[in-house]
Amino acid sequence: MALRIDYSHSLRPFDAHVELTVAAGETLALVGPSGAGKTTTLRVVAGLLRPDRGMVAVDGETWLDTSAGLERPAEQRRVGDGHDDNEEEDETDDEAHALLT
């Protein structure tokens, strides 16, 4: 499964801009400090957050294109989200891990 993301979104302390492509068979890990935009990126892919500007495509199928007014509803995207609540290993229990199925 291939994934392409390119979005910009205003967050409180900064403007997030993410542009990445994950080829079929590759694995991607989003890592960084709390507030860096990891959960925002996962929410954009899942359709839970509409960015100020952007596009999301999976296997060549466009799920979001703000310039064309296209937005596939979250319930029609095959994306799962699980939270890491193990505070002993990770102090930020708001970390999210997405799984494309």
PDB file of N, CA and C in Angstrom:
ATOM      1  N   MET A   1       0.841  -1.162   0.000  1.00  0.00           N
ATOM      2  CA  MET A   1       0.000   0.000   0.000  1.00  0.00           C
ATOM      3  C   MET A   1       0.895   1.237   0.000  1.00  0.00           C
ATOM      4  N   ALA A   2       0.677   2.151  -0.901  1.00  0.00           N
ATOM      5  CA  ALA A   2       1.446   3.388  -0.989  1.00  0.00           C
ATOM      6  C   ALA A   2       0.643   4.532  -0.389  1.00  0.00           C
ATOM      7  N   LEU A   3       1.334   5.467   0.229  1.00  0.00           N
ATOM      8  CA  LEU A   3       0.698   6.606   0.888  1.00  0.00           C
ATOM      9  C   LEU A   3       1.430   7.871   0.499  1.00  0.00           C
ATOM     10  N   ARG A   4       0.690   8.900   0.151  1.00  0.00           N
ATOM     11  CA  ARG A   4       1.284  10.210  -0.159  1.00  0.00           C
ATOM     12  C   ARG A   4       0.522  11.261   0.634  1.00  0.00           C
ATOM     13  N   ILE A   5       1.235  12.077   1.375  1.00  0.00           N
ATOM     14  CA  ILE A   5       0.636  13.131   2.196  1.00  0.00           C
ATOM     15  C   ILE A   5       1.351  14.437   1.889  1.00  0.00           C
ATOM     16  N   ASP A   6       0.599  15.505   1.777  1.00  0.00           N
ATOM     17  CA  ASP A   6       1.151  16.847   1.621  1.00  0.00           C
ATOM     18  C   ASP A   6       0.117  17.791   2.201  1.00  0.00           C
ATOM     19  N   TYR A   7       0.402  18.365   3.384  1.00  0.00           N
ATOM     20  CA  TYR A   7      -0.584  19.262   3.979  1.00  0.00           C
ATOM     21  C   TYR A   7       0.084  20.363   4.790  1.00  0.00           C
ATOM     22  N   SER A   8      -0.677  21.415   5.017  1.00  0.00           N
ATOM     23  CA  SER A   8      -0.296  22.506   5.911  1.00  0.00           C
ATOM     24  C   SER A   8      -1.469  22.757   6.823  1.00  0.00           C
ATOM     25  N   HIS A   9      -1.177  22.998   8.099  1.00  0.00           N
ATOM     26  CA  HIS A   9      -2.245  23.254   9.062  1.00  0.00           C
ATOM     27  C   HIS A   9      -1.691  24.136  10.178  1.00  0.00           C
ATOM     28  N   SER A  10      -2.454  25.149  10.556  1.00  0.00           N
ATOM     29  CA  SER A  10      -2.038  26.044  11.632  1.00  0.00           C
ATOM     30  C   SER A  10      -2.312  25.393  12.973  1.00  0.00           C
ATOM     31  N   LEU A  11      -1.261  25.255  13.748  1.00  0.00           N
ATOM     32  CA  LEU A  11      -1.363  24.794  15.124  1.00  0.00           C
ATOM     33  C   LEU A  11      -1.079  25.997  16.018  1.00  0.00           C
ATOM     34  N   ARG A  12      -1.363  25.907  17.269  1.00  0.00           N
ATOM     35  CA  ARG A  12      -1.197  27.070  18.150  1.00  0.00           C
ATOM     36  C   ARG A  12       0.210  27.669  18.115  1.00  0.00           C
ATOM     37  N   PRO A  13       1.244  26.877  18.384  1.00  0.00           N
ATOM     38  CA  PRO A  13       2.556  27.514  18.431  1.00  0.00           C
ATOM     39  C   PRO A  13       3.266  27.650  17.082  1.00  0.00           C
ATOM     40  N   PHE A  14       2.780  26.945  16.046  1.00  0.00           N
ATOM     41  CA  PHE A  14       3.478  26.985  14.757  1.00  0.00           C
ATOM     42  C   PHE A  14       2.542  26.487  13.658  1.00  0.00           C
ATOM     43  N   ASP A  15       2.981  26.659  12.413  1.00  0.00           N
ATOM     44  CA  ASP A  15       2.260  26.113  11.269  1.00  0.00           C
ATOM     45  C   ASP A  15       2.944  24.812  10.863  1.00  0.00           C
ATOM     46  N   ALA A  16       2.181  23.728  10.825  1.00  0.00           N
ATOM     47  CA  ALA A  16       2.729  22.430  10.433  1.00  0.00           C
ATOM     48  C   ALA A  16       2.655  22.283   8.923  1.00  0.00           C
ATOM     49  N   HIS A  17       3.711  21.786   8.344  1.00  0.00           N
ATOM     50  CA  HIS A  17       3.708  21.434   6.919  1.00  0.00           C
ATOM     51  C   HIS A  17       4.375  20.066   6.817  1.00  0.00           C
ATOM     52  N   VAL A  18       3.634  19.114   6.263  1.00  0.00           N
ATOM     53  CA  VAL A  18       4.142  17.754   6.119  1.00  0.00           C
ATOM     54  C   VAL A  18       4.037  17.350   4.659  1.00  0.00           C
ATOM     55  N   GLU A  19       5.117  16.830   4.124  1.00  0.00           N
ATOM     56  CA  GLU A  19       5.114  16.286   2.769  1.00  0.00           C
ATOM     57  C   GLU A  19       5.921  14.999   2.804  1.00  0.00           C
ATOM     58  N   LEU A  20       5.257  13.868   2.538  1.00  0.00           N
ATOM     59  CA  LEU A  20       5.962  12.598   2.559  1.00  0.00           C
ATOM     60  C   LEU A  20       5.278  11.596   1.664  1.00  0.00           C
ATOM     61  N   THR A  21       6.067  10.641   1.210  1.00  0.00           N
ATOM     62  CA  THR A  21       5.577   9.535   0.399  1.00  0.00           C
ATOM     63  C   THR A  21       6.130   8.246   0.994  1.00  0.00           C
ATOM     64  N   VAL A  22       5.255   7.280   1.180  1.00  0.00           N
ATOM     65  CA  VAL A  22       5.647   5.963   1.671  1.00  0.00           C
ATOM     66  C   VAL A  22       5.288   4.975   0.574  1.00  0.00           C
ATOM     67  N   ALA A  23       6.296   4.310   0.015  1.00  0.00           N
ATOM     68  CA  ALA A  23       6.070   3.353  -1.068  1.00  0.00           C
ATOM     69  C   ALA A  23       5.489   2.059  -0.513  1.00  0.00           C
ATOM     70  N   ALA A  24       4.810   1.335  -1.368  1.00  0.00           N
ATOM     71  CA  ALA A  24       4.265   0.028  -0.982  1.00  0.00           C
ATOM     72  C   ALA A  24       5.398  -0.835  -0.432  1.00  0.00           C
ATOM     73  N   GLY A  25       5.153  -1.470   0.702  1.00  0.00           N
ATOM     74  CA  GLY A  25       6.142  -2.326   1.326  1.00  0.00           C
ATOM     75  C   GLY A  25       7.068  -1.623   2.300  1.00  0.00           C
ATOM     76  N   GLU A  26       7.074  -0.289   2.310  1.00  0.00           N
ATOM     77  CA  GLU A  26       7.901   0.460   3.250  1.00  0.00           C
ATOM     78  C   GLU A  26       7.152   0.623   4.573  1.00  0.00           C
ATOM     79  N   THR A  27       7.902   0.864   5.632  1.00  0.00           N
ATOM     80  CA  THR A  27       7.352   1.123   6.951  1.00  0.00           C
ATOM     81  C   THR A  27       7.748   2.531   7.364  1.00  0.00           C
ATOM     82  N   LEU A  28       6.815   3.241   7.976  1.00  0.00           N
ATOM     83  CA  LEU A  28       7.061   4.611   8.419  1.00  0.00           C
ATOM     84  C   LEU A  28       6.774   4.712   9.902  1.00  0.00           C
ATOM     85  N   ALA A  29       7.651   5.355  10.632  1.00  0.00           N
ATOM     86  CA  ALA A  29       7.434   5.652  12.043  1.00  0.00           C
ATOM     87  C   ALA A  29       7.455   7.164  12.208  1.00  0.00           C
ATOM     88  N   LEU A  30       6.433   7.720  12.824  1.00  0.00           N
ATOM     89  CA  LEU A  30       6.403   9.141  13.138  1.00  0.00           C
ATOM     90  C   LEU A  30       6.901   9.294  14.568  1.00  0.00           C
ATOM     91  N   VAL A  31       8.032   9.961  14.720  1.00  0.00           N
ATOM     92  CA  VAL A  31       8.616  10.157  16.036  1.00  0.00           C
ATOM     93  C   VAL A  31       8.942  11.631  16.217  1.00  0.00           C
ATOM     94  N   GLY A  32       8.958  12.060  17.452  1.00  0.00           N
ATOM     95  CA  GLY A  32       9.293  13.434  17.749  1.00  0.00           C
ATOM     96  C   GLY A  32       8.743  13.829  19.094  1.00  0.00           C
ATOM     97  N   PRO A  33       9.099  15.018  19.539  1.00  0.00           N
ATOM     98  CA  PRO A  33       8.638  15.461  20.850  1.00  0.00           C
ATOM     99  C   PRO A  33       7.132  15.743  20.854  1.00  0.00           C
ATOM    100  N   SER A  34       6.581  15.800  22.033  1.00  0.00           N
ATOM    101  CA  SER A  34       5.168  16.129  22.197  1.00  0.00           C
ATOM    102  C   SER A  34       4.885  17.476  21.537  1.00  0.00           C
ATOM    103  N   GLY A  35       3.818  17.539  20.760  1.00  0.00           N
ATOM    104  CA  GLY A  35       3.434  18.785  20.111  1.00  0.00           C
ATOM    105  C   GLY A  35       4.065  19.007  18.756  1.00  0.00           C
ATOM    106  N   ALA A  36       4.814  18.029  18.245  1.00  0.00           N
ATOM    107  CA  ALA A  36       5.513  18.196  16.967  1.00  0.00           C
ATOM    108  C   ALA A  36       4.613  17.994  15.753  1.00  0.00           C
ATOM    109  N   GLY A  37       3.413  17.424  15.940  1.00  0.00           N
ATOM    110  CA  GLY A  37       2.492  17.244  14.822  1.00  0.00           C
ATOM    111  C   GLY A  37       2.256  15.802  14.409  1.00  0.00           C
ATOM    112  N   LYS A  38       2.739  14.847  15.189  1.00  0.00           N
ATOM    113  CA  LYS A  38       2.559  13.432  14.848  1.00  0.00           C
ATOM    114  C   LYS A  38       1.075  13.055  14.830  1.00  0.00           C
ATOM    115  N   THR A  39       0.378  13.371  15.895  1.00  0.00           N
ATOM    116  CA  THR A  39      -1.049  13.050  15.976  1.00  0.00           C
ATOM    117  C   THR A  39      -1.835  13.837  14.935  1.00  0.00           C
ATOM    118  N   THR A  40      -1.468  15.071  14.682  1.00  0.00           N
ATOM    119  CA  THR A  40      -2.133  15.870  13.643  1.00  0.00           C
ATOM    120  C   THR A  40      -2.012  15.185  12.296  1.00  0.00           C
ATOM    121  N   THR A  41      -0.840  14.673  11.967  1.00  0.00           N
ATOM    122  CA  THR A  41      -0.641  13.963  10.695  1.00  0.00           C
ATOM    123  C   THR A  41      -1.528  12.736  10.612  1.00  0.00           C
ATOM    124  N   LEU A  42      -1.580  11.958  11.680  1.00  0.00           N
ATOM    125  CA  LEU A  42      -2.426  10.761  11.691  1.00  0.00           C
ATOM    126  C   LEU A  42      -3.909  11.125  11.572  1.00  0.00           C
ATOM    127  N   ARG A  43      -4.314  12.212  12.204  1.00  0.00           N
ATOM    128  CA  ARG A  43      -5.716  12.646  12.122  1.00  0.00           C
ATOM    129  C   ARG A  43      -6.073  13.111  10.704  1.00  0.00           C
ATOM    130  N   VAL A  44      -5.119  13.749  10.011  1.00  0.00           N
ATOM    131  CA  VAL A  44      -5.354  14.160   8.621  1.00  0.00           C
ATOM    132  C   VAL A  44      -5.539  12.925   7.735  1.00  0.00           C
ATOM    133  N   VAL A  45      -4.668  11.929   7.881  1.00  0.00           N
ATOM    134  CA  VAL A  45      -4.773  10.710   7.075  1.00  0.00           C
ATOM    135  C   VAL A  45      -6.097   9.999   7.350  1.00  0.00           C
ATOM    136  N   ALA A  46      -6.484   9.928   8.615  1.00  0.00           N
ATOM    137  CA  ALA A  46      -7.708   9.221   8.999  1.00  0.00           C
ATOM    138  C   ALA A  46      -8.980   9.977   8.639  1.00  0.00           C
ATOM    139  N   GLY A  47      -8.867  11.250   8.275  1.00  0.00           N
ATOM    140  CA  GLY A  47     -10.047  12.036   7.948  1.00  0.00           C
ATOM    141  C   GLY A  47     -10.722  12.634   9.167  1.00  0.00           C
ATOM    142  N   LEU A  48     -10.015  12.684  10.281  1.00  0.00           N
ATOM    143  CA  LEU A  48     -10.570  13.253  11.508  1.00  0.00           C
ATOM    144  C   LEU A  48     -10.248  14.730  11.652  1.00  0.00           C
ATOM    145  N   LEU A  49      -9.359  15.234  10.807  1.00  0.00           N
ATOM    146  CA  LEU A  49      -8.987  16.647  10.804  1.00  0.00           C
ATOM    147  C   LEU A  49      -8.814  17.094   9.365  1.00  0.00           C
ATOM    148  N   ARG A  50      -9.503  18.139   8.989  1.00  0.00           N
ATOM    149  CA  ARG A  50      -9.337  18.712   7.642  1.00  0.00           C
ATOM    150  C   ARG A  50      -8.300  19.816   7.747  1.00  0.00           C
ATOM    151  N   PRO A  51      -7.163  19.639   7.077  1.00  0.00           N
ATOM    152  CA  PRO A  51      -6.121  20.665   7.179  1.00  0.00           C
ATOM    153  C   PRO A  51      -6.505  21.921   6.415  1.00  0.00           C
ATOM    154  N   ASP A  52      -5.791  23.007   6.702  1.00  0.00           N
ATOM    155  CA  ASP A  52      -6.024  24.269   5.987  1.00  0.00           C
ATOM    156  C   ASP A  52      -5.817  24.084   4.489  1.00  0.00           C
ATOM    157  N   ARG A  53      -4.813  23.280   4.128  1.00  0.00           N
ATOM    158  CA  ARG A  53      -4.512  22.977   2.729  1.00  0.00           C
ATOM    159  C   ARG A  53      -3.897  21.598   2.685  1.00  0.00           C
ATOM    160  N   GLY A  54      -4.271  20.804   1.684  1.00  0.00           N
ATOM    161  CA  GLY A  54      -3.579  19.541   1.588  1.00  0.00           C
ATOM    162  C   GLY A  54      -4.201  18.486   0.712  1.00  0.00           C
ATOM    163  N   MET A  55      -3.474  17.355   0.642  1.00  0.00           N
ATOM    164  CA  MET A  55      -3.943  16.184  -0.096  1.00  0.00           C
ATOM    165  C   MET A  55      -3.423  14.929   0.581  1.00  0.00           C
ATOM    166  N   VAL A  56      -4.220  13.881   0.477  1.00  0.00           N
ATOM    167  CA  VAL A  56      -3.852  12.552   0.959  1.00  0.00           C
ATOM    168  C   VAL A  56      -4.269  11.574  -0.123  1.00  0.00           C
ATOM    169  N   ALA A  57      -3.363  10.705  -0.538  1.00  0.00           N
ATOM    170  CA  ALA A  57      -3.672   9.674  -1.531  1.00  0.00           C
ATOM    171  C   ALA A  57      -3.125   8.346  -1.045  1.00  0.00           C
ATOM    172  N   VAL A  58      -3.912   7.302  -1.224  1.00  0.00           N
ATOM    173  CA  VAL A  58      -3.507   5.951  -0.850  1.00  0.00           C
ATOM    174  C   VAL A  58      -3.667   5.069  -2.081  1.00  0.00           C
ATOM    175  N   ASP A  59      -2.586   4.410  -2.462  1.00  0.00           N
ATOM    176  CA  ASP A  59      -2.567   3.561  -3.661  1.00  0.00           C
ATOM    177  C   ASP A  59      -3.129   4.282  -4.885  1.00  0.00           C
ATOM    178  N   GLY A  60      -2.790   5.555  -5.018  1.00  0.00           N
ATOM    179  CA  GLY A  60      -3.229   6.341  -6.162  1.00  0.00           C
ATOM    180  C   GLY A  60      -4.658   6.851  -6.072  1.00  0.00           C
ATOM    181  N   GLU A  61      -5.375   6.494  -5.029  1.00  0.00           N
ATOM    182  CA  GLU A  61      -6.757   6.953  -4.831  1.00  0.00           C
ATOM    183  C   GLU A  61      -6.733   8.166  -3.898  1.00  0.00           C
ATOM    184  N   THR A  62      -7.272   9.279  -4.368  1.00  0.00           N
ATOM    185  CA  THR A  62      -7.256  10.505  -3.580  1.00  0.00           C
ATOM    186  C   THR A  62      -8.339  10.473  -2.514  1.00  0.00           C
ATOM    187  N   TRP A  63      -7.915  10.622  -1.262  1.00  0.00           N
ATOM    188  CA  TRP A  63      -8.848  10.669  -0.139  1.00  0.00           C
ATOM    189  C   TRP A  63      -9.162  12.099   0.261  1.00  0.00           C
ATOM    190  N   LEU A  64      -8.211  13.015  -0.005  1.00  0.00           N
ATOM    191  CA  LEU A  64      -8.389  14.418   0.341  1.00  0.00           C
ATOM    192  C   LEU A  64      -7.651  15.270  -0.666  1.00  0.00           C
ATOM    193  N   ASP A  65      -8.319  16.277  -1.171  1.00  0.00           N
ATOM    194  CA  ASP A  65      -7.687  17.283  -2.014  1.00  0.00           C
ATOM    195  C   ASP A  65      -8.443  18.578  -1.771  1.00  0.00           C
ATOM    196  N   THR A  66      -7.912  19.414  -0.890  1.00  0.00           N
ATOM    197  CA  THR A  66      -8.630  20.631  -0.508  1.00  0.00           C
ATOM    198  C   THR A  66      -8.787  21.596  -1.677  1.00  0.00           C
ATOM    199  N   SER A  67      -7.831  21.614  -2.618  1.00  0.00           N
ATOM    200  CA  SER A  67      -7.933  22.536  -3.752  1.00  0.00           C
ATOM    201  C   SER A  67      -9.059  22.141  -4.706  1.00  0.00           C
ATOM    202  N   ALA A  68      -9.387  20.837  -4.753  1.00  0.00           N
ATOM    203  CA  ALA A  68     -10.472  20.355  -5.620  1.00  0.00           C
ATOM    204  C   ALA A  68     -11.789  20.184  -4.851  1.00  0.00           C
ATOM    205  N   GLY A  69     -11.758  20.431  -3.542  1.00  0.00           N
ATOM    206  CA  GLY A  69     -12.965  20.268  -2.742  1.00  0.00           C
ATOM    207  C   GLY A  69     -13.350  18.810  -2.522  1.00  0.00           C
ATOM    208  N   LEU A  70     -12.382  17.898  -2.619  1.00  0.00           N
ATOM    209  CA  LEU A  70     -12.635  16.466  -2.459  1.00  0.00           C
ATOM    210  C   LEU A  70     -12.242  16.026  -1.054  1.00  0.00           C
ATOM    211  N   GLU A  71     -13.165  15.332  -0.377  1.00  0.00           N
ATOM    212  CA  GLU A  71     -12.856  14.813   0.957  1.00  0.00           C
ATOM    213  C   GLU A  71     -13.638  13.535   1.192  1.00  0.00           C
ATOM    214  N   ARG A  72     -12.929  12.416   1.207  1.00  0.00           N
ATOM    215  CA  ARG A  72     -13.553  11.124   1.482  1.00  0.00           C
ATOM    216  C   ARG A  72     -13.841  11.057   2.990  1.00  0.00           C
ATOM    217  N   PRO A  73     -15.065  10.707   3.378  1.00  0.00           N
ATOM    218  CA  PRO A  73     -15.405  10.666   4.804  1.00  0.00           C
ATOM    219  C   PRO A  73     -14.528   9.678   5.573  1.00  0.00           C
ATOM    220  N   ALA A  74     -14.296   9.979   6.845  1.00  0.00           N
ATOM    221  CA  ALA A  74     -13.443   9.141   7.684  1.00  0.00           C
ATOM    222  C   ALA A  74     -13.927   7.697   7.719  1.00  0.00           C
ATOM    223  N   GLU A  75     -15.228   7.498   7.772  1.00  0.00           N
ATOM    224  CA  GLU A  75     -15.756   6.136   7.868  1.00  0.00           C
ATOM    225  C   GLU A  75     -15.529   5.322   6.594  1.00  0.00           C
ATOM    226  N   GLN A  76     -15.136   5.974   5.497  1.00  0.00           N
ATOM    227  CA  GLN A  76     -14.852   5.268   4.250  1.00  0.00           C
ATOM    228  C   GLN A  76     -13.352   5.056   4.031  1.00  0.00           C
ATOM    229  N   ARG A  77     -12.535   5.489   4.990  1.00  0.00           N
ATOM    230  CA  ARG A  77     -11.088   5.292   4.907  1.00  0.00           C
ATOM    231  C   ARG A  77     -10.728   4.090   5.761  1.00  0.00           C
ATOM    232  N   ARG A  78      -9.882   3.246   5.243  1.00  0.00           N
ATOM    233  CA  ARG A  78      -9.478   2.036   5.992  1.00  0.00           C
ATOM    234  C   ARG A  78      -8.270   2.365   6.857  1.00  0.00           C
ATOM    235  N   VAL A  79      -8.522   3.112   7.921  1.00  0.00           N
ATOM    236  CA  VAL A  79      -7.461   3.554   8.816  1.00  0.00           C
ATOM    237  C   VAL A  79      -7.889   3.283  10.247  1.00  0.00           C
ATOM    238  N   GLY A  80      -6.993   2.710  11.029  1.00  0.00           N
ATOM    239  CA  GLY A  80      -7.250   2.487  12.447  1.00  0.00           C
ATOM    240  C   GLY A  80      -6.298   3.329  13.269  1.00  0.00           C
ATOM    241  N   ASP A  81      -6.647   3.596  14.490  1.00  0.00           N
ATOM    242  CA  ASP A  81      -5.873   4.440  15.375  1.00  0.00           C
ATOM    243  C   ASP A  81      -5.871   3.806  16.756  1.00  0.00           C
ATOM    244  N   GLY A  82      -4.707   3.602  17.312  1.00  0.00           N
ATOM    245  CA  GLY A  82      -4.604   3.063  18.667  1.00  0.00           C
ATOM    246  C   GLY A  82      -3.688   3.946  19.478  1.00  0.00           C
ATOM    247  N   HIS A  83      -4.010   4.153  20.724  1.00  0.00           N
ATOM    248  CA  HIS A  83      -3.200   5.030  21.585  1.00  0.00           C
ATOM    249  C   HIS A  83      -2.307   4.205  22.497  1.00  0.00           C
ATOM    250  N   ASP A  84      -1.107   4.691  22.724  1.00  0.00           N
ATOM    251  CA  ASP A  84      -0.150   4.067  23.618  1.00  0.00           C
ATOM    252  C   ASP A  84      -0.362   4.657  25.000  1.00  0.00           C
ATOM    253  N   ASP A  85      -0.978   3.878  25.893  1.00  0.00           N
ATOM    254  CA  ASP A  85      -1.285   4.377  27.227  1.00  0.00           C
ATOM    255  C   ASP A  85      -0.339   3.836  28.293  1.00  0.00           C
ATOM    256  N   ASN A  86       0.781   3.251  27.900  1.00  0.00           N
ATOM    257  CA  ASN A  86       1.738   2.727  28.855  1.00  0.00           C
ATOM    258  C   ASN A  86       2.641   3.861  29.319  1.00  0.00           C
ATOM    259  N   GLU A  87       2.286   4.487  30.438  1.00  0.00           N
ATOM    260  CA  GLU A  87       3.018   5.660  30.916  1.00  0.00           C
ATOM    261  C   GLU A  87       4.421   5.328  31.389  1.00  0.00           C
ATOM    262  N   GLU A  88       4.688   4.061  31.757  1.00  0.00           N
ATOM    263  CA  GLU A  88       6.035   3.702  32.194  1.00  0.00           C
ATOM    264  C   GLU A  88       7.029   3.788  31.048  1.00  0.00           C
ATOM    265  N   GLU A  89       6.597   3.404  29.838  1.00  0.00           N
ATOM    266  CA  GLU A  89       7.490   3.429  28.685  1.00  0.00           C
ATOM    267  C   GLU A  89       7.443   4.760  27.962  1.00  0.00           C
ATOM    268  N   ASP A  90       6.328   5.460  28.033  1.00  0.00           N
ATOM    269  CA  ASP A  90       6.141   6.677  27.254  1.00  0.00           C
ATOM    270  C   ASP A  90       5.357   7.665  28.101  1.00  0.00           C
ATOM    271  N   GLU A  91       5.971   8.780  28.415  1.00  0.00           N
ATOM    272  CA  GLU A  91       5.314   9.758  29.278  1.00  0.00           C
ATOM    273  C   GLU A  91       4.159  10.464  28.586  1.00  0.00           C
ATOM    274  N   THR A  92       4.118  10.455  27.269  1.00  0.00           N
ATOM    275  CA  THR A  92       3.053  11.144  26.542  1.00  0.00           C
ATOM    276  C   THR A  92       1.989  10.142  26.167  1.00  0.00           C
ATOM    277  N   ASP A  93       0.977   9.999  27.028  1.00  0.00           N
ATOM    278  CA  ASP A  93      -0.063   9.013  26.767  1.00  0.00           C
ATOM    279  C   ASP A  93      -1.015   9.471  25.671  1.00  0.00           C
ATOM    280  N   ASP A  94      -0.723  10.611  25.035  1.00  0.00           N
ATOM    281  CA  ASP A  94      -1.536  11.094  23.925  1.00  0.00           C
ATOM    282  C   ASP A  94      -0.922  10.695  22.586  1.00  0.00           C
ATOM    283  N   GLU A  95       0.182   9.918  22.613  1.00  0.00           N
ATOM    284  CA  GLU A  95       0.784   9.446  21.375  1.00  0.00           C
ATOM    285  C   GLU A  95      -0.180   8.536  20.630  1.00  0.00           C
ATOM    286  N   ALA A  96      -0.234   8.636  19.325  1.00  0.00           N
ATOM    287  CA  ALA A  96      -1.107   7.779  18.535  1.00  0.00           C
ATOM    288  C   ALA A  96      -0.273   6.987  17.543  1.00  0.00           C
ATOM    289  N   HIS A  97      -0.742   5.796  17.244  1.00  0.00           N
ATOM    290  CA  HIS A  97      -0.096   4.945  16.250  1.00  0.00           C
ATOM    291  C   HIS A  97      -1.160   4.548  15.243  1.00  0.00           C
ATOM    292  N   ALA A  98      -0.956   4.842  13.980  1.00  0.00           N
ATOM    293  CA  ALA A  98      -1.954   4.533  12.957  1.00  0.00           C
ATOM    294  C   ALA A  98      -1.567   3.238  12.240  1.00  0.00           C
ATOM    295  N   LEU A  99      -2.551   2.546  11.811  1.00  0.00           N
ATOM    296  CA  LEU A  99      -2.351   1.302  11.081  1.00  0.00           C
ATOM    297  C   LEU A  99      -3.226   1.326   9.842  1.00  0.00           C
ATOM    298  N   LEU A 100      -2.609   1.315   8.690  1.00  0.00           N
ATOM    299  CA  LEU A 100      -3.370   1.202   7.449  1.00  0.00           C
ATOM    300  C   LEU A 100      -3.626  -0.265   7.199  1.00  0.00           C
ATOM    301  N   THR A 101      -4.874  -0.629   7.042  1.00  0.00           N
ATOM    302  CA  THR A 101      -5.208  -2.051   6.860  1.00  0.00           C
ATOM    303  C   THR A 101      -5.614  -2.337   5.451  1.00  0.00           C
TER     304      THR A 101
END
